[in-house]
Amino acid sequence: VTIAASAHQLTARERHVLALRFVQDMTQTQIADEIGVSQMQVSRILRRALARLREMTETGDEASVA
């Protein structure tokens, strides 16, 4: 399972934050300002989304991480 194939299992907010961080190369503080949350919340969203993607790609089972 690829990251791209697994991304649809993430929430819209998780996908948005990942895109801002890794496509737009924004800092957590910039992302926080952009979406109206604290930097700590951005950190939590990133950590959770990356953990979910990692689990899906390691197990090859998208359904197990809902």
N, C-alpha and C. Protein backbone atom coordinates (compact mmCIF):
# COMPACT_ATOMS: atom_id res chain seq x y z
N VAL A 1 0.85 -1.17 0.00
CA VAL A 1 0.00 0.00 0.00
C VAL A 1 0.90 1.24 0.00
N THR A 2 0.61 2.17 -0.89
CA THR A 2 1.40 3.39 -0.97
C THR A 2 0.78 4.49 -0.11
N ILE A 3 1.58 5.50 0.15
CA ILE A 3 1.07 6.64 0.92
C ILE A 3 -0.08 7.30 0.18
N ALA A 4 0.07 7.47 -1.12
CA ALA A 4 -1.00 8.10 -1.90
C ALA A 4 -2.30 7.29 -1.82
N ALA A 5 -2.19 5.98 -1.87
CA ALA A 5 -3.38 5.13 -1.79
C ALA A 5 -4.00 5.18 -0.40
N SER A 6 -3.20 5.39 0.61
CA SER A 6 -3.70 5.42 1.99
C SER A 6 -4.25 6.78 2.39
N ALA A 7 -3.86 7.83 1.71
CA ALA A 7 -4.22 9.19 2.12
C ALA A 7 -5.73 9.41 2.19
N HIS A 8 -6.49 8.71 1.36
CA HIS A 8 -7.94 8.90 1.39
C HIS A 8 -8.58 8.43 2.70
N GLN A 9 -7.85 7.66 3.49
CA GLN A 9 -8.35 7.20 4.79
C GLN A 9 -8.20 8.27 5.87
N LEU A 10 -7.41 9.31 5.59
CA LEU A 10 -7.21 10.38 6.55
C LEU A 10 -8.39 11.35 6.49
N THR A 11 -8.54 12.14 7.55
CA THR A 11 -9.58 13.17 7.53
C THR A 11 -9.16 14.29 6.59
N ALA A 12 -10.12 15.09 6.19
CA ALA A 12 -9.82 16.24 5.32
C ALA A 12 -8.82 17.17 6.00
N ARG A 13 -8.98 17.39 7.29
CA ARG A 13 -8.06 18.26 8.02
C ARG A 13 -6.65 17.68 8.04
N GLU A 14 -6.53 16.37 8.27
CA GLU A 14 -5.21 15.74 8.27
C GLU A 14 -4.55 15.87 6.91
N ARG A 15 -5.31 15.62 5.85
CA ARG A 15 -4.75 15.77 4.49
C ARG A 15 -4.31 17.20 4.22
N HIS A 16 -5.13 18.16 4.65
CA HIS A 16 -4.82 19.57 4.44
C HIS A 16 -3.53 19.95 5.17
N VAL A 17 -3.43 19.57 6.44
CA VAL A 17 -2.24 19.91 7.23
C VAL A 17 -1.00 19.24 6.64
N LEU A 18 -1.10 17.99 6.22
CA LEU A 18 0.04 17.32 5.60
C LEU A 18 0.47 18.04 4.32
N ALA A 19 -0.50 18.47 3.52
CA ALA A 19 -0.18 19.18 2.28
C ALA A 19 0.50 20.51 2.58
N LEU A 20 -0.01 21.24 3.55
CA LEU A 20 0.62 22.51 3.91
C LEU A 20 2.05 22.30 4.40
N ARG A 21 2.25 21.25 5.18
CA ARG A 21 3.58 21.00 5.75
C ARG A 21 4.57 20.49 4.70
N PHE A 22 4.16 19.50 3.90
CA PHE A 22 5.13 18.83 3.05
C PHE A 22 5.09 19.27 1.59
N VAL A 23 3.98 19.82 1.12
CA VAL A 23 3.91 20.32 -0.26
C VAL A 23 4.23 21.81 -0.28
N GLN A 24 3.59 22.55 0.62
CA GLN A 24 3.82 24.00 0.68
C GLN A 24 5.03 24.36 1.55
N ASP A 25 5.59 23.38 2.25
CA ASP A 25 6.78 23.56 3.10
C ASP A 25 6.57 24.64 4.17
N MET A 26 5.38 24.66 4.75
CA MET A 26 5.07 25.63 5.80
C MET A 26 5.49 25.07 7.16
N THR A 27 5.83 25.98 8.07
CA THR A 27 6.14 25.57 9.43
C THR A 27 4.84 25.27 10.18
N GLN A 28 4.97 24.64 11.33
CA GLN A 28 3.79 24.37 12.14
C GLN A 28 3.12 25.67 12.57
N THR A 29 3.90 26.68 12.88
CA THR A 29 3.34 27.97 13.27
C THR A 29 2.58 28.61 12.12
N GLN A 30 3.13 28.55 10.92
CA GLN A 30 2.44 29.09 9.75
C GLN A 30 1.13 28.35 9.48
N ILE A 31 1.18 27.03 9.62
CA ILE A 31 -0.03 26.22 9.42
C ILE A 31 -1.08 26.60 10.46
N ALA A 32 -0.66 26.74 11.71
CA ALA A 32 -1.58 27.11 12.78
C ALA A 32 -2.28 28.43 12.46
N ASP A 33 -1.52 29.41 12.00
CA ASP A 33 -2.11 30.70 11.63
C ASP A 33 -3.07 30.55 10.46
N GLU A 34 -2.72 29.71 9.51
CA GLU A 34 -3.53 29.50 8.30
C GLU A 34 -4.88 28.85 8.62
N ILE A 35 -4.88 27.86 9.51
CA ILE A 35 -6.13 27.13 9.75
C ILE A 35 -6.81 27.52 11.07
N GLY A 36 -6.19 28.42 11.82
CA GLY A 36 -6.84 28.95 13.01
C GLY A 36 -6.82 28.06 14.24
N VAL A 37 -5.73 27.33 14.42
CA VAL A 37 -5.56 26.52 15.63
C VAL A 37 -4.19 26.81 16.22
N SER A 38 -3.89 26.24 17.37
CA SER A 38 -2.58 26.45 17.99
C SER A 38 -1.52 25.60 17.29
N GLN A 39 -0.28 25.99 17.48
CA GLN A 39 0.84 25.22 16.93
C GLN A 39 0.85 23.82 17.53
N MET A 40 0.48 23.71 18.80
CA MET A 40 0.44 22.40 19.46
C MET A 40 -0.60 21.50 18.80
N GLN A 41 -1.74 22.06 18.43
CA GLN A 41 -2.77 21.27 17.75
C GLN A 41 -2.27 20.80 16.38
N VAL A 42 -1.55 21.66 15.67
CA VAL A 42 -0.97 21.26 14.38
C VAL A 42 -0.01 20.10 14.60
N SER A 43 0.80 20.19 15.64
CA SER A 43 1.74 19.12 15.95
C SER A 43 1.00 17.80 16.19
N ARG A 44 -0.10 17.86 16.93
CA ARG A 44 -0.89 16.65 17.20
C ARG A 44 -1.50 16.08 15.92
N ILE A 45 -2.02 16.95 15.07
CA ILE A 45 -2.62 16.50 13.81
C ILE A 45 -1.56 15.81 12.96
N LEU A 46 -0.39 16.43 12.84
CA LEU A 46 0.68 15.83 12.04
C LEU A 46 1.12 14.49 12.61
N ARG A 47 1.31 14.44 13.91
CA ARG A 47 1.76 13.20 14.55
C ARG A 47 0.76 12.07 14.32
N ARG A 48 -0.52 12.37 14.51
CA ARG A 48 -1.57 11.36 14.33
C ARG A 48 -1.66 10.92 12.86
N ALA A 49 -1.63 11.87 11.94
CA ALA A 49 -1.75 11.53 10.52
C ALA A 49 -0.56 10.70 10.05
N LEU A 50 0.64 11.09 10.46
CA LEU A 50 1.83 10.34 10.05
C LEU A 50 1.83 8.94 10.65
N ALA A 51 1.39 8.81 11.89
CA ALA A 51 1.31 7.49 12.51
C ALA A 51 0.32 6.60 11.78
N ARG A 52 -0.82 7.17 11.41
CA ARG A 52 -1.83 6.39 10.67
C ARG A 52 -1.29 5.96 9.31
N LEU A 53 -0.63 6.88 8.60
CA LEU A 53 -0.06 6.52 7.30
C LEU A 53 1.01 5.44 7.45
N ARG A 54 1.85 5.59 8.46
CA ARG A 54 2.91 4.61 8.70
C ARG A 54 2.32 3.23 8.95
N GLU A 55 1.30 3.17 9.79
CA GLU A 55 0.67 1.89 10.09
C GLU A 55 0.04 1.27 8.85
N MET A 56 -0.64 2.08 8.06
CA MET A 56 -1.29 1.56 6.85
C MET A 56 -0.27 1.04 5.85
N THR A 57 0.85 1.74 5.69
CA THR A 57 1.83 1.29 4.71
C THR A 57 2.61 0.08 5.22
N GLU A 58 2.82 -0.02 6.53
CA GLU A 58 3.54 -1.17 7.08
C GLU A 58 2.69 -2.43 7.07
N THR A 59 1.41 -2.30 7.39
CA THR A 59 0.56 -3.48 7.45
C THR A 59 -0.07 -3.81 6.11
N GLY A 60 -0.13 -2.80 5.24
CA GLY A 60 -0.78 -3.01 3.95
C GLY A 60 -2.28 -3.11 4.06
N ASP A 61 -2.81 -2.71 5.21
CA ASP A 61 -4.24 -2.83 5.46
C ASP A 61 -4.82 -1.49 5.82
N GLU A 62 -5.42 -0.81 4.85
CA GLU A 62 -6.00 0.50 5.08
C GLU A 62 -7.16 0.46 6.06
N ALA A 63 -7.91 -0.61 6.07
CA ALA A 63 -9.10 -0.70 6.91
C ALA A 63 -8.77 -0.80 8.39
N SER A 64 -7.57 -1.24 8.73
CA SER A 64 -7.23 -1.46 10.13
C SER A 64 -6.94 -0.18 10.90
N VAL A 65 -6.90 0.96 10.24
CA VAL A 65 -6.49 2.19 10.90
C VAL A 65 -7.58 3.24 10.90
N ALA A 66 -8.81 2.85 10.77
CA ALA A 66 -9.91 3.83 10.70
C ALA A 66 -10.13 4.58 11.96
